Amino acid sequence: GMYCATANEEEIAEGVKSVKKILAENY
């Protein structure tokens, strides 16, 4: 919801990368 709450495919792709990075580094 912080990074991918949009219908724009490019923004979604970038958001998914950010979420994966946060989970990889902080989860």
PDB file of all heavy atoms in Angstrom:
ATOM      1  N   GLY A   1       0.816  -1.211   0.000  1.00  0.00           N
ATOM      2  CA  GLY A   1       0.000   0.000   0.000  1.00  0.00           C
ATOM      3  C   GLY A   1       0.850   1.261   0.000  1.00  0.00           C
ATOM      4  O   GLY A   1       0.443   2.308  -0.522  1.00  0.00           O
ATOM      5  N   MET A   2       2.061   1.173   0.571  1.00  0.00           N
ATOM      6  CA  MET A   2       2.962   2.327   0.594  1.00  0.00           C
ATOM      7  C   MET A   2       3.648   2.539  -0.758  1.00  0.00           C
ATOM      8  O   MET A   2       3.931   3.672  -1.149  1.00  0.00           O
ATOM      9  CB  MET A   2       4.028   2.127   1.683  1.00  0.00           C
ATOM     10  CG  MET A   2       3.482   2.152   3.102  1.00  0.00           C
ATOM     11  SD  MET A   2       4.714   1.653   4.331  1.00  0.00           S
ATOM     12  CE  MET A   2       5.890   3.001   4.206  1.00  0.00           C
ATOM     13  N   TYR A   3       3.879   1.438  -1.484  1.00  0.00           N
ATOM     14  CA  TYR A   3       4.698   1.530  -2.697  1.00  0.00           C
ATOM     15  C   TYR A   3       3.987   1.139  -3.993  1.00  0.00           C
ATOM     16  O   TYR A   3       4.443   1.498  -5.070  1.00  0.00           O
ATOM     17  CB  TYR A   3       5.946   0.648  -2.547  1.00  0.00           C
ATOM     18  CG  TYR A   3       6.862   1.084  -1.438  1.00  0.00           C
ATOM     19  CD1 TYR A   3       6.803   0.472  -0.189  1.00  0.00           C
ATOM     20  CD2 TYR A   3       7.781   2.111  -1.625  1.00  0.00           C
ATOM     21  CE1 TYR A   3       7.640   0.865   0.842  1.00  0.00           C
ATOM     22  CE2 TYR A   3       8.631   2.520  -0.602  1.00  0.00           C
ATOM     23  CZ  TYR A   3       8.556   1.888   0.640  1.00  0.00           C
ATOM     24  OH  TYR A   3       9.379   2.295   1.654  1.00  0.00           O
ATOM     25  N   CYS A   4       2.869   0.389  -3.881  1.00  0.00           N
ATOM     26  CA  CYS A   4       2.254  -0.151  -5.108  1.00  0.00           C
ATOM     27  C   CYS A   4       0.766   0.157  -5.236  1.00  0.00           C
ATOM     28  O   CYS A   4       0.070  -0.512  -6.000  1.00  0.00           O
ATOM     29  CB  CYS A   4       2.439  -1.670  -5.170  1.00  0.00           C
ATOM     30  SG  CYS A   4       4.140  -2.213  -5.062  1.00  0.00           S
ATOM     31  N   ALA A   5       0.243   1.124  -4.494  1.00  0.00           N
ATOM     32  CA  ALA A   5      -1.194   1.431  -4.564  1.00  0.00           C
ATOM     33  C   ALA A   5      -1.474   2.314  -5.776  1.00  0.00           C
ATOM     34  O   ALA A   5      -1.824   3.487  -5.657  1.00  0.00           O
ATOM     35  CB  ALA A   5      -1.658   2.106  -3.275  1.00  0.00           C
ATOM     36  N   THR A   6      -1.314   1.743  -6.954  1.00  0.00           N
ATOM     37  CA  THR A   6      -1.490   2.477  -8.204  1.00  0.00           C
ATOM     38  C   THR A   6      -1.821   1.488  -9.317  1.00  0.00           C
ATOM     39  O   THR A   6      -1.616   0.285  -9.164  1.00  0.00           O
ATOM     40  CB  THR A   6      -0.190   3.246  -8.561  1.00  0.00           C
ATOM     41  OG1 THR A   6      -0.337   3.854  -9.832  1.00  0.00           O
ATOM     42  CG2 THR A   6       1.002   2.296  -8.601  1.00  0.00           C
ATOM     43  N   ALA A   7      -2.329   2.017 -10.429  1.00  0.00           N
ATOM     44  CA  ALA A   7      -2.598   1.164 -11.593  1.00  0.00           C
ATOM     45  C   ALA A   7      -1.494   1.296 -12.640  1.00  0.00           C
ATOM     46  O   ALA A   7      -1.499   0.602 -13.643  1.00  0.00           O
ATOM     47  CB  ALA A   7      -3.946   1.537 -12.207  1.00  0.00           C
ATOM     48  N   ASN A   8      -0.522   2.181 -12.385  1.00  0.00           N
ATOM     49  CA  ASN A   8       0.576   2.408 -13.321  1.00  0.00           C
ATOM     50  C   ASN A   8       1.572   1.250 -13.243  1.00  0.00           C
ATOM     51  O   ASN A   8       2.161   0.995 -12.192  1.00  0.00           O
ATOM     52  CB  ASN A   8       1.273   3.730 -12.984  1.00  0.00           C
ATOM     53  CG  ASN A   8       2.362   4.076 -13.986  1.00  0.00           C
ATOM     54  OD1 ASN A   8       3.361   3.386 -14.089  1.00  0.00           O
ATOM     55  ND2 ASN A   8       2.149   5.170 -14.724  1.00  0.00           N
ATOM     56  N   GLU A   9       1.767   0.545 -14.357  1.00  0.00           N
ATOM     57  CA  GLU A   9       2.602  -0.659 -14.365  1.00  0.00           C
ATOM     58  C   GLU A   9       4.055  -0.364 -13.978  1.00  0.00           C
ATOM     59  O   GLU A   9       4.677  -1.146 -13.266  1.00  0.00           O
ATOM     60  CB  GLU A   9       2.561  -1.319 -15.754  1.00  0.00           C
ATOM     61  CG  GLU A   9       1.232  -1.988 -16.094  1.00  0.00           C
ATOM     62  CD  GLU A   9       0.935  -3.198 -15.214  1.00  0.00           C
ATOM     63  OE1 GLU A   9       1.882  -3.803 -14.677  1.00  0.00           O
ATOM     64  OE2 GLU A   9      -0.246  -3.530 -15.052  1.00  0.00           O
ATOM     65  N   GLU A  10       4.603   0.765 -14.442  1.00  0.00           N
ATOM     66  CA  GLU A  10       5.992   1.097 -14.113  1.00  0.00           C
ATOM     67  C   GLU A  10       6.151   1.366 -12.621  1.00  0.00           C
ATOM     68  O   GLU A  10       7.114   0.926 -11.997  1.00  0.00           O
ATOM     69  CB  GLU A  10       6.449   2.311 -14.933  1.00  0.00           C
ATOM     70  CG  GLU A  10       6.603   2.014 -16.429  1.00  0.00           C
ATOM     71  CD  GLU A  10       7.110   3.225 -17.203  1.00  0.00           C
ATOM     72  OE1 GLU A  10       7.427   4.244 -16.557  1.00  0.00           O
ATOM     73  OE2 GLU A  10       7.175   3.145 -18.436  1.00  0.00           O
ATOM     74  N   GLU A  11       5.182   2.110 -12.056  1.00  0.00           N
ATOM     75  CA  GLU A  11       5.235   2.406 -10.623  1.00  0.00           C
ATOM     76  C   GLU A  11       5.067   1.135  -9.801  1.00  0.00           C
ATOM     77  O   GLU A  11       5.692   0.970  -8.752  1.00  0.00           O
ATOM     78  CB  GLU A  11       4.151   3.428 -10.257  1.00  0.00           C
ATOM     79  CG  GLU A  11       4.417   4.814 -10.814  1.00  0.00           C
ATOM     80  CD  GLU A  11       3.306   5.789 -10.474  1.00  0.00           C
ATOM     81  OE1 GLU A  11       2.497   5.497  -9.565  1.00  0.00           O
ATOM     82  OE2 GLU A  11       3.235   6.851 -11.120  1.00  0.00           O
ATOM     83  N   ILE A  12       4.194   0.228 -10.275  1.00  0.00           N
ATOM     84  CA  ILE A  12       4.011  -1.046  -9.576  1.00  0.00           C
ATOM     85  C   ILE A  12       5.313  -1.846  -9.573  1.00  0.00           C
ATOM     86  O   ILE A  12       5.730  -2.388  -8.547  1.00  0.00           O
ATOM     87  CB  ILE A  12       2.875  -1.871 -10.227  1.00  0.00           C
ATOM     88  CG1 ILE A  12       1.517  -1.267  -9.867  1.00  0.00           C
ATOM     89  CG2 ILE A  12       2.923  -3.333  -9.761  1.00  0.00           C
ATOM     90  CD1 ILE A  12       0.339  -1.940 -10.547  1.00  0.00           C
ATOM     91  N   ALA A  13       5.974  -1.890 -10.734  1.00  0.00           N
ATOM     92  CA  ALA A  13       7.235  -2.644 -10.839  1.00  0.00           C
ATOM     93  C   ALA A  13       8.290  -2.084  -9.893  1.00  0.00           C
ATOM     94  O   ALA A  13       8.993  -2.841  -9.202  1.00  0.00           O
ATOM     95  CB  ALA A  13       7.736  -2.605 -12.282  1.00  0.00           C
ATOM     96  N   GLU A  14       8.381  -0.746  -9.830  1.00  0.00           N
ATOM     97  CA  GLU A  14       9.341  -0.124  -8.910  1.00  0.00           C
ATOM     98  C   GLU A  14       8.950  -0.377  -7.460  1.00  0.00           C
ATOM     99  O   GLU A  14       9.800  -0.630  -6.602  1.00  0.00           O
ATOM    100  CB  GLU A  14       9.417   1.390  -9.175  1.00  0.00           C
ATOM    101  CG  GLU A  14      10.192   1.781 -10.414  1.00  0.00           C
ATOM    102  CD  GLU A  14      11.628   1.297 -10.373  1.00  0.00           C
ATOM    103  OE1 GLU A  14      12.300   1.503  -9.338  1.00  0.00           O
ATOM    104  OE2 GLU A  14      12.074   0.696 -11.368  1.00  0.00           O
ATOM    105  N   GLY A  15       7.633  -0.313  -7.202  1.00  0.00           N
ATOM    106  CA  GLY A  15       7.141  -0.551  -5.847  1.00  0.00           C
ATOM    107  C   GLY A  15       7.436  -1.960  -5.369  1.00  0.00           C
ATOM    108  O   GLY A  15       7.834  -2.178  -4.217  1.00  0.00           O
ATOM    109  N   VAL A  16       7.228  -2.933  -6.255  1.00  0.00           N
ATOM    110  CA  VAL A  16       7.507  -4.334  -5.906  1.00  0.00           C
ATOM    111  C   VAL A  16       8.982  -4.506  -5.555  1.00  0.00           C
ATOM    112  O   VAL A  16       9.334  -5.207  -4.599  1.00  0.00           O
ATOM    113  CB  VAL A  16       7.107  -5.282  -7.053  1.00  0.00           C
ATOM    114  CG1 VAL A  16       7.653  -6.686  -6.825  1.00  0.00           C
ATOM    115  CG2 VAL A  16       5.592  -5.335  -7.181  1.00  0.00           C
ATOM    116  N   LYS A  17       9.857  -3.846  -6.324  1.00  0.00           N
ATOM    117  CA  LYS A  17      11.296  -3.910  -6.027  1.00  0.00           C
ATOM    118  C   LYS A  17      11.576  -3.361  -4.634  1.00  0.00           C
ATOM    119  O   LYS A  17      12.368  -3.931  -3.873  1.00  0.00           O
ATOM    120  CB  LYS A  17      12.083  -3.089  -7.068  1.00  0.00           C
ATOM    121  CG  LYS A  17      12.264  -3.774  -8.400  1.00  0.00           C
ATOM    122  CD  LYS A  17      13.130  -2.901  -9.312  1.00  0.00           C
ATOM    123  CE  LYS A  17      13.205  -3.503 -10.717  1.00  0.00           C
ATOM    124  NZ  LYS A  17      13.971  -2.610 -11.630  1.00  0.00           N
ATOM    125  N   SER A  18      10.923  -2.236  -4.299  1.00  0.00           N
ATOM    126  CA  SER A  18      11.139  -1.612  -2.978  1.00  0.00           C
ATOM    127  C   SER A  18      10.666  -2.532  -1.856  1.00  0.00           C
ATOM    128  O   SER A  18      11.357  -2.693  -0.846  1.00  0.00           O
ATOM    129  CB  SER A  18      10.400  -0.265  -2.899  1.00  0.00           C
ATOM    130  OG  SER A  18      10.868   0.638  -3.864  1.00  0.00           O
ATOM    131  N   VAL A  19       9.471  -3.119  -2.041  1.00  0.00           N
ATOM    132  CA  VAL A  19       8.928  -4.012  -1.012  1.00  0.00           C
ATOM    133  C   VAL A  19       9.831  -5.228  -0.840  1.00  0.00           C
ATOM    134  O   VAL A  19      10.127  -5.643   0.286  1.00  0.00           O
ATOM    135  CB  VAL A  19       7.486  -4.443  -1.370  1.00  0.00           C
ATOM    136  CG1 VAL A  19       7.004  -5.529  -0.403  1.00  0.00           C
ATOM    137  CG2 VAL A  19       6.550  -3.248  -1.333  1.00  0.00           C
ATOM    138  N   LYS A  20      10.282  -5.811  -1.956  1.00  0.00           N
ATOM    139  CA  LYS A  20      11.185  -6.969  -1.874  1.00  0.00           C
ATOM    140  C   LYS A  20      12.482  -6.604  -1.161  1.00  0.00           C
ATOM    141  O   LYS A  20      13.012  -7.393  -0.372  1.00  0.00           O
ATOM    142  CB  LYS A  20      11.485  -7.494  -3.278  1.00  0.00           C
ATOM    143  CG  LYS A  20      10.344  -8.293  -3.895  1.00  0.00           C
ATOM    144  CD  LYS A  20      10.750  -8.872  -5.238  1.00  0.00           C
ATOM    145  CE  LYS A  20       9.666  -9.791  -5.790  1.00  0.00           C
ATOM    146  NZ  LYS A  20      10.040 -10.368  -7.098  1.00  0.00           N
ATOM    147  N   LYS A  21      12.976  -5.391  -1.429  1.00  0.00           N
ATOM    148  CA  LYS A  21      14.217  -4.944  -0.788  1.00  0.00           C
ATOM    149  C   LYS A  21      14.024  -4.795   0.719  1.00  0.00           C
ATOM    150  O   LYS A  21      14.869  -5.220   1.519  1.00  0.00           O
ATOM    151  CB  LYS A  21      14.641  -3.601  -1.402  1.00  0.00           C
ATOM    152  CG  LYS A  21      15.989  -3.095  -0.921  1.00  0.00           C
ATOM    153  CD  LYS A  21      16.452  -1.936  -1.789  1.00  0.00           C
ATOM    154  CE  LYS A  21      17.862  -1.513  -1.406  1.00  0.00           C
ATOM    155  NZ  LYS A  21      17.938  -0.412  -0.496  1.00  0.00           N
ATOM    156  N   ILE A  22      12.893  -4.190   1.109  1.00  0.00           N
ATOM    157  CA  ILE A  22      12.605  -4.005   2.538  1.00  0.00           C
ATOM    158  C   ILE A  22      12.486  -5.359   3.234  1.00  0.00           C
ATOM    159  O   ILE A  22      13.049  -5.574   4.325  1.00  0.00           O
ATOM    160  CB  ILE A  22      11.309  -3.189   2.728  1.00  0.00           C
ATOM    161  CG1 ILE A  22      11.529  -1.746   2.318  1.00  0.00           C
ATOM    162  CG2 ILE A  22      10.819  -3.255   4.182  1.00  0.00           C
ATOM    163  CD1 ILE A  22      10.263  -0.926   2.184  1.00  0.00           C
ATOM    164  N   LEU A  23      11.761  -6.285   2.595  1.00  0.00           N
ATOM    165  CA  LEU A  23      11.600  -7.604   3.194  1.00  0.00           C
ATOM    166  C   LEU A  23      12.930  -8.351   3.255  1.00  0.00           C
ATOM    167  O   LEU A  23      13.227  -9.041   4.232  1.00  0.00           O
ATOM    168  CB  LEU A  23      10.573  -8.421   2.406  1.00  0.00           C
ATOM    169  CG  LEU A  23       9.116  -7.971   2.562  1.00  0.00           C
ATOM    170  CD1 LEU A  23       8.219  -8.721   1.591  1.00  0.00           C
ATOM    171  CD2 LEU A  23       8.624  -8.180   3.995  1.00  0.00           C
ATOM    172  N   ALA A  24      13.747  -8.198   2.200  1.00  0.00           N
ATOM    173  CA  ALA A  24      15.045  -8.886   2.171  1.00  0.00           C
ATOM    174  C   ALA A  24      15.983  -8.354   3.249  1.00  0.00           C
ATOM    175  O   ALA A  24      16.720  -9.109   3.883  1.00  0.00           O
ATOM    176  CB  ALA A  24      15.684  -8.738   0.794  1.00  0.00           C
ATOM    177  N   GLU A  25      15.936  -7.032   3.473  1.00  0.00           N
ATOM    178  CA  GLU A  25      16.891  -6.416   4.400  1.00  0.00           C
ATOM    179  C   GLU A  25      16.369  -6.296   5.826  1.00  0.00           C
ATOM    180  O   GLU A  25      17.169  -6.310   6.775  1.00  0.00           O
ATOM    181  CB  GLU A  25      17.287  -5.024   3.882  1.00  0.00           C
ATOM    182  CG  GLU A  25      18.047  -5.064   2.560  1.00  0.00           C
ATOM    183  CD  GLU A  25      18.425  -3.685   2.079  1.00  0.00           C
ATOM    184  OE1 GLU A  25      18.061  -2.694   2.754  1.00  0.00           O
ATOM    185  OE2 GLU A  25      19.081  -3.583   1.015  1.00  0.00           O
ATOM    186  N   ASN A  26      15.041  -6.169   5.985  1.00  0.00           N
ATOM    187  CA  ASN A  26      14.511  -5.861   7.318  1.00  0.00           C
ATOM    188  C   ASN A  26      13.617  -6.937   7.932  1.00  0.00           C
ATOM    189  O   ASN A  26      13.515  -7.019   9.158  1.00  0.00           O
ATOM    190  CB  ASN A  26      13.740  -4.536   7.275  1.00  0.00           C
ATOM    191  CG  ASN A  26      14.580  -3.393   6.750  1.00  0.00           C
ATOM    192  OD1 ASN A  26      14.344  -2.896   5.657  1.00  0.00           O
ATOM    193  ND2 ASN A  26      15.582  -2.979   7.509  1.00  0.00           N
ATOM    194  N   TYR A  27      12.942  -7.733   7.078  1.00  0.00           N
ATOM    195  CA  TYR A  27      12.119  -8.806   7.634  1.00  0.00           C
ATOM    196  C   TYR A  27      13.035  -9.904   8.165  1.00  0.00           C
ATOM    197  O   TYR A  27      13.939 -10.372   7.485  1.00  0.00           O
ATOM    198  CB  TYR A  27      11.177  -9.373   6.572  1.00  0.00           C
ATOM    199  CG  TYR A  27      10.506 -10.667   6.990  1.00  0.00           C
ATOM    200  CD1 TYR A  27       9.606 -10.686   8.045  1.00  0.00           C
ATOM    201  CD2 TYR A  27      10.800 -11.860   6.338  1.00  0.00           C
ATOM    202  CE1 TYR A  27       9.005 -11.871   8.437  1.00  0.00           C
ATOM    203  CE2 TYR A  27      10.208 -13.046   6.724  1.00  0.00           C
ATOM    204  CZ  TYR A  27       9.299 -13.048   7.778  1.00  0.00           C
ATOM    205  OH  TYR A  27       8.716 -14.219   8.180  1.00  0.00           O
TER     206      TYR A  27
END
